[in-house]
mmCIF file of all heavy atoms, coordinates in Angstrom:
data_MODEL
# 
_entry.id   MODEL 
# 
loop_
_atom_site.group_PDB 
_atom_site.id 
_atom_site.type_symbol 
_atom_site.label_atom_id 
_atom_site.label_alt_id 
_atom_site.label_comp_id 
_atom_site.label_asym_id 
_atom_site.label_entity_id 
_atom_site.label_seq_id 
_atom_site.pdbx_PDB_ins_code 
_atom_site.Cartn_x 
_atom_site.Cartn_y 
_atom_site.Cartn_z 
_atom_site.occupancy 
_atom_site.B_iso_or_equiv 
_atom_site.pdbx_formal_charge 
_atom_site.auth_seq_id 
_atom_site.auth_comp_id 
_atom_site.auth_asym_id 
_atom_site.auth_atom_id 
_atom_site.pdbx_PDB_model_num 
ATOM 1   N N   . ALA A 1 1  ? 0.849   -21.314 2.977  1.00 0.00 ? 1  ALA A N   1 
ATOM 2   C CA  . ALA A 1 1  ? 1.213   -21.912 1.672  1.00 0.00 ? 1  ALA A CA  1 
ATOM 3   C C   . ALA A 1 1  ? 2.566   -21.454 1.262  1.00 0.00 ? 1  ALA A C   1 
ATOM 4   O O   . ALA A 1 1  ? 3.335   -22.351 0.608  1.00 0.00 ? 1  ALA A O   1 
ATOM 5   C CB  . ALA A 1 1  ? 0.222   -21.414 0.558  1.00 0.00 ? 1  ALA A CB  1 
ATOM 6   N N   . ALA A 1 2  ? 2.983   -20.328 1.583  1.00 0.00 ? 2  ALA A N   1 
ATOM 7   C CA  . ALA A 1 2  ? 4.322   -19.799 1.309  1.00 0.00 ? 2  ALA A CA  1 
ATOM 8   C C   . ALA A 1 2  ? 5.547   -20.299 2.106  1.00 0.00 ? 2  ALA A C   1 
ATOM 9   O O   . ALA A 1 2  ? 6.587   -20.649 1.587  1.00 0.00 ? 2  ALA A O   1 
ATOM 10  C CB  . ALA A 1 2  ? 4.319   -18.304 1.170  1.00 0.00 ? 2  ALA A CB  1 
ATOM 11  N N   . TYR A 1 3  ? 5.230   -20.280 3.439  1.00 0.00 ? 3  TYR A N   1 
ATOM 12  C CA  . TYR A 1 3  ? 6.314   -20.637 4.358  1.00 0.00 ? 3  TYR A CA  1 
ATOM 13  C C   . TYR A 1 3  ? 6.115   -21.835 5.310  1.00 0.00 ? 3  TYR A C   1 
ATOM 14  O O   . TYR A 1 3  ? 6.990   -22.114 6.055  1.00 0.00 ? 3  TYR A O   1 
ATOM 15  C CB  . TYR A 1 3  ? 6.431   -19.354 5.312  1.00 0.00 ? 3  TYR A CB  1 
ATOM 16  C CG  . TYR A 1 3  ? 6.711   -18.078 4.501  1.00 0.00 ? 3  TYR A CG  1 
ATOM 17  C CD1 . TYR A 1 3  ? 5.780   -17.021 4.518  1.00 0.00 ? 3  TYR A CD1 1 
ATOM 18  C CD2 . TYR A 1 3  ? 7.874   -17.915 3.891  1.00 0.00 ? 3  TYR A CD2 1 
ATOM 19  C CE1 . TYR A 1 3  ? 6.027   -15.815 3.767  1.00 0.00 ? 3  TYR A CE1 1 
ATOM 20  C CE2 . TYR A 1 3  ? 8.150   -16.706 3.083  1.00 0.00 ? 3  TYR A CE2 1 
ATOM 21  C CZ  . TYR A 1 3  ? 7.202   -15.687 3.100  1.00 0.00 ? 3  TYR A CZ  1 
ATOM 22  O OH  . TYR A 1 3  ? 7.470   -14.633 2.337  1.00 0.00 ? 3  TYR A OH  1 
ATOM 23  N N   . GLY A 1 4  ? 4.979   -22.503 5.179  1.00 0.00 ? 4  GLY A N   1 
ATOM 24  C CA  . GLY A 1 4  ? 4.758   -23.726 5.944  1.00 0.00 ? 4  GLY A CA  1 
ATOM 25  C C   . GLY A 1 4  ? 4.110   -23.337 7.337  1.00 0.00 ? 4  GLY A C   1 
ATOM 26  O O   . GLY A 1 4  ? 4.070   -24.296 8.185  1.00 0.00 ? 4  GLY A O   1 
ATOM 27  N N   . THR A 1 5  ? 3.957   -22.049 7.644  1.00 0.00 ? 5  THR A N   1 
ATOM 28  C CA  . THR A 1 5  ? 3.455   -21.625 8.976  1.00 0.00 ? 5  THR A CA  1 
ATOM 29  C C   . THR A 1 5  ? 2.540   -20.451 8.704  1.00 0.00 ? 5  THR A C   1 
ATOM 30  O O   . THR A 1 5  ? 2.926   -19.568 7.962  1.00 0.00 ? 5  THR A O   1 
ATOM 31  C CB  . THR A 1 5  ? 4.464   -21.358 9.993  1.00 0.00 ? 5  THR A CB  1 
ATOM 32  O OG1 . THR A 1 5  ? 3.746   -20.862 11.118 1.00 0.00 ? 5  THR A OG1 1 
ATOM 33  C CG2 . THR A 1 5  ? 5.488   -20.387 9.580  1.00 0.00 ? 5  THR A CG2 1 
ATOM 34  N N   . PRO A 1 6  ? 1.407   -20.332 9.387  1.00 0.00 ? 6  PRO A N   1 
ATOM 35  C CA  . PRO A 1 6  ? 0.580   -19.116 9.272  1.00 0.00 ? 6  PRO A CA  1 
ATOM 36  C C   . PRO A 1 6  ? 1.114   -17.874 9.956  1.00 0.00 ? 6  PRO A C   1 
ATOM 37  O O   . PRO A 1 6  ? 0.727   -16.779 9.684  1.00 0.00 ? 6  PRO A O   1 
ATOM 38  C CB  . PRO A 1 6  ? -0.769  -19.556 9.779  1.00 0.00 ? 6  PRO A CB  1 
ATOM 39  C CG  . PRO A 1 6  ? -0.519  -20.610 10.814 1.00 0.00 ? 6  PRO A CG  1 
ATOM 40  C CD  . PRO A 1 6  ? 0.714   -21.243 10.292 1.00 0.00 ? 6  PRO A CD  1 
ATOM 41  N N   . PHE A 1 7  ? 1.936   -18.168 11.029 1.00 0.00 ? 7  PHE A N   1 
ATOM 42  C CA  . PHE A 1 7  ? 2.413   -17.020 11.834 1.00 0.00 ? 7  PHE A CA  1 
ATOM 43  C C   . PHE A 1 7  ? 3.660   -16.389 11.536 1.00 0.00 ? 7  PHE A C   1 
ATOM 44  O O   . PHE A 1 7  ? 4.729   -16.781 12.007 1.00 0.00 ? 7  PHE A O   1 
ATOM 45  C CB  . PHE A 1 7  ? 2.430   -17.621 13.324 1.00 0.00 ? 7  PHE A CB  1 
ATOM 46  C CG  . PHE A 1 7  ? 1.098   -18.333 13.784 1.00 0.00 ? 7  PHE A CG  1 
ATOM 47  C CD1 . PHE A 1 7  ? 1.085   -19.693 14.052 1.00 0.00 ? 7  PHE A CD1 1 
ATOM 48  C CD2 . PHE A 1 7  ? -0.053  -17.686 13.806 1.00 0.00 ? 7  PHE A CD2 1 
ATOM 49  C CE1 . PHE A 1 7  ? -0.075  -20.339 14.369 1.00 0.00 ? 7  PHE A CE1 1 
ATOM 50  C CE2 . PHE A 1 7  ? -1.215  -18.232 14.167 1.00 0.00 ? 7  PHE A CE2 1 
ATOM 51  C CZ  . PHE A 1 7  ? -1.263  -19.583 14.474 1.00 0.00 ? 7  PHE A CZ  1 
ATOM 52  N N   . THR A 1 8  ? 3.566   -15.496 10.507 1.00 0.00 ? 8  THR A N   1 
ATOM 53  C CA  . THR A 1 8  ? 4.750   -14.810 10.059 1.00 0.00 ? 8  THR A CA  1 
ATOM 54  C C   . THR A 1 8  ? 4.418   -13.237 10.037 1.00 0.00 ? 8  THR A C   1 
ATOM 55  O O   . THR A 1 8  ? 3.206   -12.881 9.950  1.00 0.00 ? 8  THR A O   1 
ATOM 56  C CB  . THR A 1 8  ? 5.122   -15.300 8.635  1.00 0.00 ? 8  THR A CB  1 
ATOM 57  O OG1 . THR A 1 8  ? 4.117   -14.964 7.710  1.00 0.00 ? 8  THR A OG1 1 
ATOM 58  C CG2 . THR A 1 8  ? 5.424   -16.781 8.622  1.00 0.00 ? 8  THR A CG2 1 
ATOM 59  N N   . LEU A 1 9  ? 5.460   -12.564 9.902  1.00 0.00 ? 9  LEU A N   1 
ATOM 60  C CA  . LEU A 1 9  ? 5.392   -11.138 9.726  1.00 0.00 ? 9  LEU A CA  1 
ATOM 61  C C   . LEU A 1 9  ? 4.613   -10.834 8.336  1.00 0.00 ? 9  LEU A C   1 
ATOM 62  O O   . LEU A 1 9  ? 3.913   -9.933  8.218  1.00 0.00 ? 9  LEU A O   1 
ATOM 63  C CB  . LEU A 1 9  ? 6.578   -10.391 9.838  1.00 0.00 ? 9  LEU A CB  1 
ATOM 64  C CG  . LEU A 1 9  ? 7.238   -10.223 11.170 1.00 0.00 ? 9  LEU A CG  1 
ATOM 65  C CD1 . LEU A 1 9  ? 8.728   -9.650  11.021 1.00 0.00 ? 9  LEU A CD1 1 
ATOM 66  C CD2 . LEU A 1 9  ? 6.394   -9.379  12.064 1.00 0.00 ? 9  LEU A CD2 1 
ATOM 67  N N   . ARG A 1 10 ? 4.958   -11.592 7.391  1.00 0.00 ? 10 ARG A N   1 
ATOM 68  C CA  . ARG A 1 10 ? 4.343   -11.458 5.970  1.00 0.00 ? 10 ARG A CA  1 
ATOM 69  C C   . ARG A 1 10 ? 2.943   -11.601 6.098  1.00 0.00 ? 10 ARG A C   1 
ATOM 70  O O   . ARG A 1 10 ? 2.091   -11.101 5.403  1.00 0.00 ? 10 ARG A O   1 
ATOM 71  C CB  . ARG A 1 10 ? 5.057   -12.429 5.024  1.00 0.00 ? 10 ARG A CB  1 
ATOM 72  C CG  . ARG A 1 10 ? 4.805   -12.139 3.603  1.00 0.00 ? 10 ARG A CG  1 
ATOM 73  C CD  . ARG A 1 10 ? 5.674   -10.864 3.230  1.00 0.00 ? 10 ARG A CD  1 
ATOM 74  N NE  . ARG A 1 10 ? 5.474   -10.662 1.813  1.00 0.00 ? 10 ARG A NE  1 
ATOM 75  C CZ  . ARG A 1 10 ? 4.655   -9.769  1.340  1.00 0.00 ? 10 ARG A CZ  1 
ATOM 76  N NH1 . ARG A 1 10 ? 4.011   -8.850  2.093  1.00 0.00 ? 10 ARG A NH1 1 
ATOM 77  N NH2 . ARG A 1 10 ? 4.604   -9.524  0.018  1.00 0.00 ? 10 ARG A NH2 1 
ATOM 78  N N   . ALA A 1 11 ? 2.487   -12.576 6.953  1.00 0.00 ? 11 ALA A N   1 
ATOM 79  C CA  . ALA A 1 11 ? 0.921   -12.799 7.075  1.00 0.00 ? 11 ALA A CA  1 
ATOM 80  C C   . ALA A 1 11 ? 0.227   -11.538 7.538  1.00 0.00 ? 11 ALA A C   1 
ATOM 81  O O   . ALA A 1 11 ? -0.862  -11.150 7.043  1.00 0.00 ? 11 ALA A O   1 
ATOM 82  C CB  . ALA A 1 11 ? 0.701   -13.966 8.115  1.00 0.00 ? 11 ALA A CB  1 
ATOM 83  N N   . ALA A 1 12 ? 0.873   -10.773 8.473  1.00 0.00 ? 12 ALA A N   1 
ATOM 84  C CA  . ALA A 1 12 ? 0.274   -9.484  8.926  1.00 0.00 ? 12 ALA A CA  1 
ATOM 85  C C   . ALA A 1 12 ? 0.239   -8.489  7.738  1.00 0.00 ? 12 ALA A C   1 
ATOM 86  O O   . ALA A 1 12 ? -0.691  -7.747  7.619  1.00 0.00 ? 12 ALA A O   1 
ATOM 87  C CB  . ALA A 1 12 ? 1.067   -8.958  10.138 1.00 0.00 ? 12 ALA A CB  1 
ATOM 88  N N   . GLU A 1 13 ? 1.364   -8.497  6.987  1.00 0.00 ? 13 GLU A N   1 
ATOM 89  C CA  . GLU A 1 13 ? 1.353   -7.516  5.845  1.00 0.00 ? 13 GLU A CA  1 
ATOM 90  C C   . GLU A 1 13 ? 0.317   -7.860  4.896  1.00 0.00 ? 13 GLU A C   1 
ATOM 91  O O   . GLU A 1 13 ? -0.364  -7.027  4.308  1.00 0.00 ? 13 GLU A O   1 
ATOM 92  C CB  . GLU A 1 13 ? 2.737   -7.623  5.228  1.00 0.00 ? 13 GLU A CB  1 
ATOM 93  C CG  . GLU A 1 13 ? 3.935   -7.187  6.133  1.00 0.00 ? 13 GLU A CG  1 
ATOM 94  C CD  . GLU A 1 13 ? 5.292   -7.268  5.427  1.00 0.00 ? 13 GLU A CD  1 
ATOM 95  O OE1 . GLU A 1 13 ? 5.347   -7.811  4.284  1.00 0.00 ? 13 GLU A OE1 1 
ATOM 96  O OE2 . GLU A 1 13 ? 6.294   -6.889  5.990  1.00 0.00 ? 13 GLU A OE2 1 
ATOM 97  N N   . TRP A 1 14 ? 0.140   -9.159  4.488  1.00 0.00 ? 14 TRP A N   1 
ATOM 98  C CA  . TRP A 1 14 ? -0.822  -9.600  3.599  1.00 0.00 ? 14 TRP A CA  1 
ATOM 99  C C   . TRP A 1 14 ? -2.212  -9.351  4.120  1.00 0.00 ? 14 TRP A C   1 
ATOM 100 O O   . TRP A 1 14 ? -3.039  -9.006  3.326  1.00 0.00 ? 14 TRP A O   1 
ATOM 101 C CB  . TRP A 1 14 ? -0.658  -11.128 3.404  1.00 0.00 ? 14 TRP A CB  1 
ATOM 102 C CG  . TRP A 1 14 ? 0.383   -11.520 2.343  1.00 0.00 ? 14 TRP A CG  1 
ATOM 103 C CD1 . TRP A 1 14 ? 0.618   -10.626 1.207  1.00 0.00 ? 14 TRP A CD1 1 
ATOM 104 C CD2 . TRP A 1 14 ? 1.233   -12.549 2.288  1.00 0.00 ? 14 TRP A CD2 1 
ATOM 105 N NE1 . TRP A 1 14 ? 1.722   -11.307 0.401  1.00 0.00 ? 14 TRP A NE1 1 
ATOM 106 C CE2 . TRP A 1 14 ? 2.038   -12.495 1.128  1.00 0.00 ? 14 TRP A CE2 1 
ATOM 107 C CE3 . TRP A 1 14 ? 1.447   -13.651 3.117  1.00 0.00 ? 14 TRP A CE3 1 
ATOM 108 C CZ2 . TRP A 1 14 ? 3.129   -13.418 0.740  1.00 0.00 ? 14 TRP A CZ2 1 
ATOM 109 C CZ3 . TRP A 1 14 ? 2.424   -14.527 2.818  1.00 0.00 ? 14 TRP A CZ3 1 
ATOM 110 C CH2 . TRP A 1 14 ? 3.152   -14.454 1.700  1.00 0.00 ? 14 TRP A CH2 1 
ATOM 111 N N   . PHE A 1 15 ? -2.458  -9.500  5.359  1.00 0.00 ? 15 PHE A N   1 
ATOM 112 C CA  . PHE A 1 15 ? -3.793  -9.102  5.963  1.00 0.00 ? 15 PHE A CA  1 
ATOM 113 C C   . PHE A 1 15 ? -4.154  -7.695  5.653  1.00 0.00 ? 15 PHE A C   1 
ATOM 114 O O   . PHE A 1 15 ? -5.244  -7.476  5.187  1.00 0.00 ? 15 PHE A O   1 
ATOM 115 C CB  . PHE A 1 15 ? -3.816  -9.374  7.514  1.00 0.00 ? 15 PHE A CB  1 
ATOM 116 C CG  . PHE A 1 15 ? -4.904  -8.577  8.202  1.00 0.00 ? 15 PHE A CG  1 
ATOM 117 C CD1 . PHE A 1 15 ? -6.224  -8.853  7.866  1.00 0.00 ? 15 PHE A CD1 1 
ATOM 118 C CD2 . PHE A 1 15 ? -4.535  -7.686  9.150  1.00 0.00 ? 15 PHE A CD2 1 
ATOM 119 C CE1 . PHE A 1 15 ? -7.268  -8.170  8.551  1.00 0.00 ? 15 PHE A CE1 1 
ATOM 120 C CE2 . PHE A 1 15 ? -5.616  -7.014  9.787  1.00 0.00 ? 15 PHE A CE2 1 
ATOM 121 C CZ  . PHE A 1 15 ? -6.920  -7.287  9.508  1.00 0.00 ? 15 PHE A CZ  1 
ATOM 122 N N   . ILE A 1 16 ? -3.275  -6.755  5.839  1.00 0.00 ? 16 ILE A N   1 
ATOM 123 C CA  . ILE A 1 16 ? -3.530  -5.403  5.595  1.00 0.00 ? 16 ILE A CA  1 
ATOM 124 C C   . ILE A 1 16 ? -3.737  -5.154  4.004  1.00 0.00 ? 16 ILE A C   1 
ATOM 125 O O   . ILE A 1 16 ? -4.637  -4.527  3.643  1.00 0.00 ? 16 ILE A O   1 
ATOM 126 C CB  . ILE A 1 16 ? -2.441  -4.463  6.148  1.00 0.00 ? 16 ILE A CB  1 
ATOM 127 C CG1 . ILE A 1 16 ? -2.402  -4.546  7.682  1.00 0.00 ? 16 ILE A CG1 1 
ATOM 128 C CG2 . ILE A 1 16 ? -2.632  -3.000  5.696  1.00 0.00 ? 16 ILE A CG2 1 
ATOM 129 C CD1 . ILE A 1 16 ? -1.331  -3.867  8.295  1.00 0.00 ? 16 ILE A CD1 1 
ATOM 130 N N   . ALA A 1 17 ? -2.835  -5.703  3.297  1.00 0.00 ? 17 ALA A N   1 
ATOM 131 C CA  . ALA A 1 17 ? -2.771  -5.552  1.809  1.00 0.00 ? 17 ALA A CA  1 
ATOM 132 C C   . ALA A 1 17 ? -4.154  -6.182  1.291  1.00 0.00 ? 17 ALA A C   1 
ATOM 133 O O   . ALA A 1 17 ? -4.796  -5.559  0.355  1.00 0.00 ? 17 ALA A O   1 
ATOM 134 C CB  . ALA A 1 17 ? -1.666  -6.170  1.174  1.00 0.00 ? 17 ALA A CB  1 
ATOM 135 N N   . PHE A 1 18 ? -4.468  -7.313  1.695  1.00 0.00 ? 18 PHE A N   1 
ATOM 136 C CA  . PHE A 1 18 ? -5.662  -7.943  1.265  1.00 0.00 ? 18 PHE A CA  1 
ATOM 137 C C   . PHE A 1 18 ? -6.969  -7.160  1.672  1.00 0.00 ? 18 PHE A C   1 
ATOM 138 O O   . PHE A 1 18 ? -7.926  -6.996  0.867  1.00 0.00 ? 18 PHE A O   1 
ATOM 139 C CB  . PHE A 1 18 ? -5.857  -9.337  1.818  1.00 0.00 ? 18 PHE A CB  1 
ATOM 140 C CG  . PHE A 1 18 ? -4.911  -10.449 1.156  1.00 0.00 ? 18 PHE A CG  1 
ATOM 141 C CD1 . PHE A 1 18 ? -4.538  -11.512 1.896  1.00 0.00 ? 18 PHE A CD1 1 
ATOM 142 C CD2 . PHE A 1 18 ? -4.536  -10.397 -0.194 1.00 0.00 ? 18 PHE A CD2 1 
ATOM 143 C CE1 . PHE A 1 18 ? -3.707  -12.427 1.300  1.00 0.00 ? 18 PHE A CE1 1 
ATOM 144 C CE2 . PHE A 1 18 ? -3.698  -11.247 -0.782 1.00 0.00 ? 18 PHE A CE2 1 
ATOM 145 C CZ  . PHE A 1 18 ? -3.270  -12.325 -0.015 1.00 0.00 ? 18 PHE A CZ  1 
ATOM 146 N N   . SER A 1 19 ? -6.855  -6.597  2.775  1.00 0.00 ? 19 SER A N   1 
ATOM 147 C CA  . SER A 1 19 ? -7.984  -5.741  3.276  1.00 0.00 ? 19 SER A CA  1 
ATOM 148 C C   . SER A 1 19 ? -8.103  -4.438  2.342  1.00 0.00 ? 19 SER A C   1 
ATOM 149 O O   . SER A 1 19 ? -9.310  -4.178  2.003  1.00 0.00 ? 19 SER A O   1 
ATOM 150 C CB  . SER A 1 19 ? -7.738  -5.209  4.731  1.00 0.00 ? 19 SER A CB  1 
ATOM 151 O OG  . SER A 1 19 ? -7.746  -6.398  5.598  1.00 0.00 ? 19 SER A OG  1 
ATOM 152 N N   . MET A 1 20 ? -7.051  -3.849  2.008  1.00 0.00 ? 20 MET A N   1 
ATOM 153 C CA  . MET A 1 20 ? -7.166  -2.725  1.185  1.00 0.00 ? 20 MET A CA  1 
ATOM 154 C C   . MET A 1 20 ? -7.834  -3.212  -0.183 1.00 0.00 ? 20 MET A C   1 
ATOM 155 O O   . MET A 1 20 ? -8.579  -2.413  -0.839 1.00 0.00 ? 20 MET A O   1 
ATOM 156 C CB  . MET A 1 20 ? -5.780  -2.147  0.918  1.00 0.00 ? 20 MET A CB  1 
ATOM 157 C CG  . MET A 1 20 ? -5.061  -1.503  2.157  1.00 0.00 ? 20 MET A CG  1 
ATOM 158 S SD  . MET A 1 20 ? -3.318  -1.213  1.886  1.00 0.00 ? 20 MET A SD  1 
ATOM 159 C CE  . MET A 1 20 ? -3.349  -0.008  0.585  1.00 0.00 ? 20 MET A CE  1 
ATOM 160 N N   . CYS A 1 21 ? -7.335  -4.292  -0.724 1.00 0.00 ? 21 CYS A N   1 
ATOM 161 C CA  . CYS A 1 21 ? -7.888  -4.787  -2.075 1.00 0.00 ? 21 CYS A CA  1 
ATOM 162 C C   . CYS A 1 21 ? -9.360  -5.064  -1.947 1.00 0.00 ? 21 CYS A C   1 
ATOM 163 O O   . CYS A 1 21 ? -10.108 -4.693  -2.819 1.00 0.00 ? 21 CYS A O   1 
ATOM 164 C CB  . CYS A 1 21 ? -7.088  -5.995  -2.494 1.00 0.00 ? 21 CYS A CB  1 
ATOM 165 S SG  . CYS A 1 21 ? -5.376  -5.782  -2.892 1.00 0.00 ? 21 CYS A SG  1 
ATOM 166 N N   . VAL A 1 22 ? -9.855  -5.759  -1.001 1.00 0.00 ? 22 VAL A N   1 
ATOM 167 C CA  . VAL A 1 22 ? -11.197 -6.105  -0.881 1.00 0.00 ? 22 VAL A CA  1 
ATOM 168 C C   . VAL A 1 22 ? -12.063 -4.878  -0.625 1.00 0.00 ? 22 VAL A C   1 
ATOM 169 O O   . VAL A 1 22 ? -13.146 -4.707  -1.198 1.00 0.00 ? 22 VAL A O   1 
ATOM 170 C CB  . VAL A 1 22 ? -11.477 -7.147  0.300  1.00 0.00 ? 22 VAL A CB  1 
ATOM 171 C CG1 . VAL A 1 22 ? -12.980 -7.424  0.475  1.00 0.00 ? 22 VAL A CG1 1 
ATOM 172 C CG2 . VAL A 1 22 ? -10.739 -8.529  -0.129 1.00 0.00 ? 22 VAL A CG2 1 
ATOM 173 N N   . LEU A 1 23 ? -11.630 -3.998  0.337  1.00 0.00 ? 23 LEU A N   1 
ATOM 174 C CA  . LEU A 1 23 ? -12.361 -2.769  0.419  1.00 0.00 ? 23 LEU A CA  1 
ATOM 175 C C   . LEU A 1 23 ? -12.457 -2.006  -0.830 1.00 0.00 ? 23 LEU A C   1 
ATOM 176 O O   . LEU A 1 23 ? -13.458 -1.291  -1.113 1.00 0.00 ? 23 LEU A O   1 
ATOM 177 C CB  . LEU A 1 23 ? -11.755 -1.935  1.570  1.00 0.00 ? 23 LEU A CB  1 
ATOM 178 C CG  . LEU A 1 23 ? -11.888 -2.480  3.081  1.00 0.00 ? 23 LEU A CG  1 
ATOM 179 C CD1 . LEU A 1 23 ? -10.951 -1.782  3.989  1.00 0.00 ? 23 LEU A CD1 1 
ATOM 180 C CD2 . LEU A 1 23 ? -13.301 -2.517  3.442  1.00 0.00 ? 23 LEU A CD2 1 
ATOM 181 N N   . ALA A 1 24 ? -11.259 -2.011  -1.624 1.00 0.00 ? 24 ALA A N   1 
ATOM 182 C CA  . ALA A 1 24 ? -11.380 -1.255  -2.927 1.00 0.00 ? 24 ALA A CA  1 
ATOM 183 C C   . ALA A 1 24 ? -12.416 -1.872  -3.804 1.00 0.00 ? 24 ALA A C   1 
ATOM 184 O O   . ALA A 1 24 ? -13.080 -1.190  -4.592 1.00 0.00 ? 24 ALA A O   1 
ATOM 185 C CB  . ALA A 1 24 ? -9.989  -1.273  -3.535 1.00 0.00 ? 24 ALA A CB  1 
ATOM 186 N N   . ILE A 1 25 ? -12.487 -3.209  -3.893 1.00 0.00 ? 25 ILE A N   1 
ATOM 187 C CA  . ILE A 1 25 ? -13.473 -3.859  -4.673 1.00 0.00 ? 25 ILE A CA  1 
ATOM 188 C C   . ILE A 1 25 ? -14.865 -3.426  -4.332 1.00 0.00 ? 25 ILE A C   1 
ATOM 189 O O   . ILE A 1 25 ? -15.617 -3.124  -5.317 1.00 0.00 ? 25 ILE A O   1 
ATOM 190 C CB  . ILE A 1 25 ? -13.345 -5.435  -4.588 1.00 0.00 ? 25 ILE A CB  1 
ATOM 191 C CG1 . ILE A 1 25 ? -12.048 -5.977  -5.111 1.00 0.00 ? 25 ILE A CG1 1 
ATOM 192 C CG2 . ILE A 1 25 ? -14.559 -6.107  -5.197 1.00 0.00 ? 25 ILE A CG2 1 
ATOM 193 C CD1 . ILE A 1 25 ? -11.721 -7.285  -4.791 1.00 0.00 ? 25 ILE A CD1 1 
ATOM 194 N N   . LEU A 1 26 ? -15.126 -3.326  -3.076 1.00 0.00 ? 26 LEU A N   1 
ATOM 195 C CA  . LEU A 1 26 ? -16.475 -2.883  -2.682 1.00 0.00 ? 26 LEU A CA  1 
ATOM 196 C C   . LEU A 1 26 ? -16.776 -1.470  -3.183 1.00 0.00 ? 26 LEU A C   1 
ATOM 197 O O   . LEU A 1 26 ? -17.883 -1.131  -3.556 1.00 0.00 ? 26 LEU A O   1 
ATOM 198 C CB  . LEU A 1 26 ? -16.579 -3.038  -1.224 1.00 0.00 ? 26 LEU A CB  1 
ATOM 199 C CG  . LEU A 1 26 ? -16.525 -4.474  -0.631 1.00 0.00 ? 26 LEU A CG  1 
ATOM 200 C CD1 . LEU A 1 26 ? -16.526 -4.382  0.901  1.00 0.00 ? 26 LEU A CD1 1 
ATOM 201 C CD2 . LEU A 1 26 ? -17.652 -5.232  -1.179 1.00 0.00 ? 26 LEU A CD2 1 
ATOM 202 N N   . LYS A 1 27 ? -15.764 -0.630  -3.039 1.00 0.00 ? 27 LYS A N   1 
ATOM 203 C CA  . LYS A 1 27 ? -15.942 0.762   -3.484 1.00 0.00 ? 27 LYS A CA  1 
ATOM 204 C C   . LYS A 1 27 ? -16.159 0.803   -5.049 1.00 0.00 ? 27 LYS A C   1 
ATOM 205 O O   . LYS A 1 27 ? -16.927 1.654   -5.617 1.00 0.00 ? 27 LYS A O   1 
ATOM 206 C CB  . LYS A 1 27 ? -14.759 1.627   -3.163 1.00 0.00 ? 27 LYS A CB  1 
ATOM 207 C CG  . LYS A 1 27 ? -14.589 1.745   -1.580 1.00 0.00 ? 27 LYS A CG  1 
ATOM 208 C CD  . LYS A 1 27 ? -13.320 2.469   -1.371 1.00 0.00 ? 27 LYS A CD  1 
ATOM 209 C CE  . LYS A 1 27 ? -13.035 2.778   0.128  1.00 0.00 ? 27 LYS A CE  1 
ATOM 210 N NZ  . LYS A 1 27 ? -12.587 1.582   0.878  1.00 0.00 ? 27 LYS A NZ  1 
ATOM 211 N N   . LEU A 1 28 ? -15.341 -0.059  -5.782 1.00 0.00 ? 28 LEU A N   1 
ATOM 212 C CA  . LEU A 1 28 ? -15.365 -0.007  -7.197 1.00 0.00 ? 28 LEU A CA  1 
ATOM 213 C C   . LEU A 1 28 ? -16.680 -0.568  -7.875 1.00 0.00 ? 28 LEU A C   1 
ATOM 214 O O   . LEU A 1 28 ? -16.831 -0.417  -9.070 1.00 0.00 ? 28 LEU A O   1 
ATOM 215 C CB  . LEU A 1 28 ? -14.033 -0.728  -7.741 1.00 0.00 ? 28 LEU A CB  1 
ATOM 216 C CG  . LEU A 1 28 ? -12.714 0.053   -7.566 1.00 0.00 ? 28 LEU A CG  1 
ATOM 217 C CD1 . LEU A 1 28 ? -11.614 -0.995  -7.834 1.00 0.00 ? 28 LEU A CD1 1 
ATOM 218 C CD2 . LEU A 1 28 ? -12.658 1.190   -8.405 1.00 0.00 ? 28 LEU A CD2 1 
# 
C-alpha cells in the first residue's frame, strides 16, 4: 500500500513491529 511493492526493508520492519503489537494484545 505504501510503496507499490510488498518486498521492502520496511515490510520486514513492520512484520516485527506488528508481531510485537499483536503479541502484546494477547498478553493485555
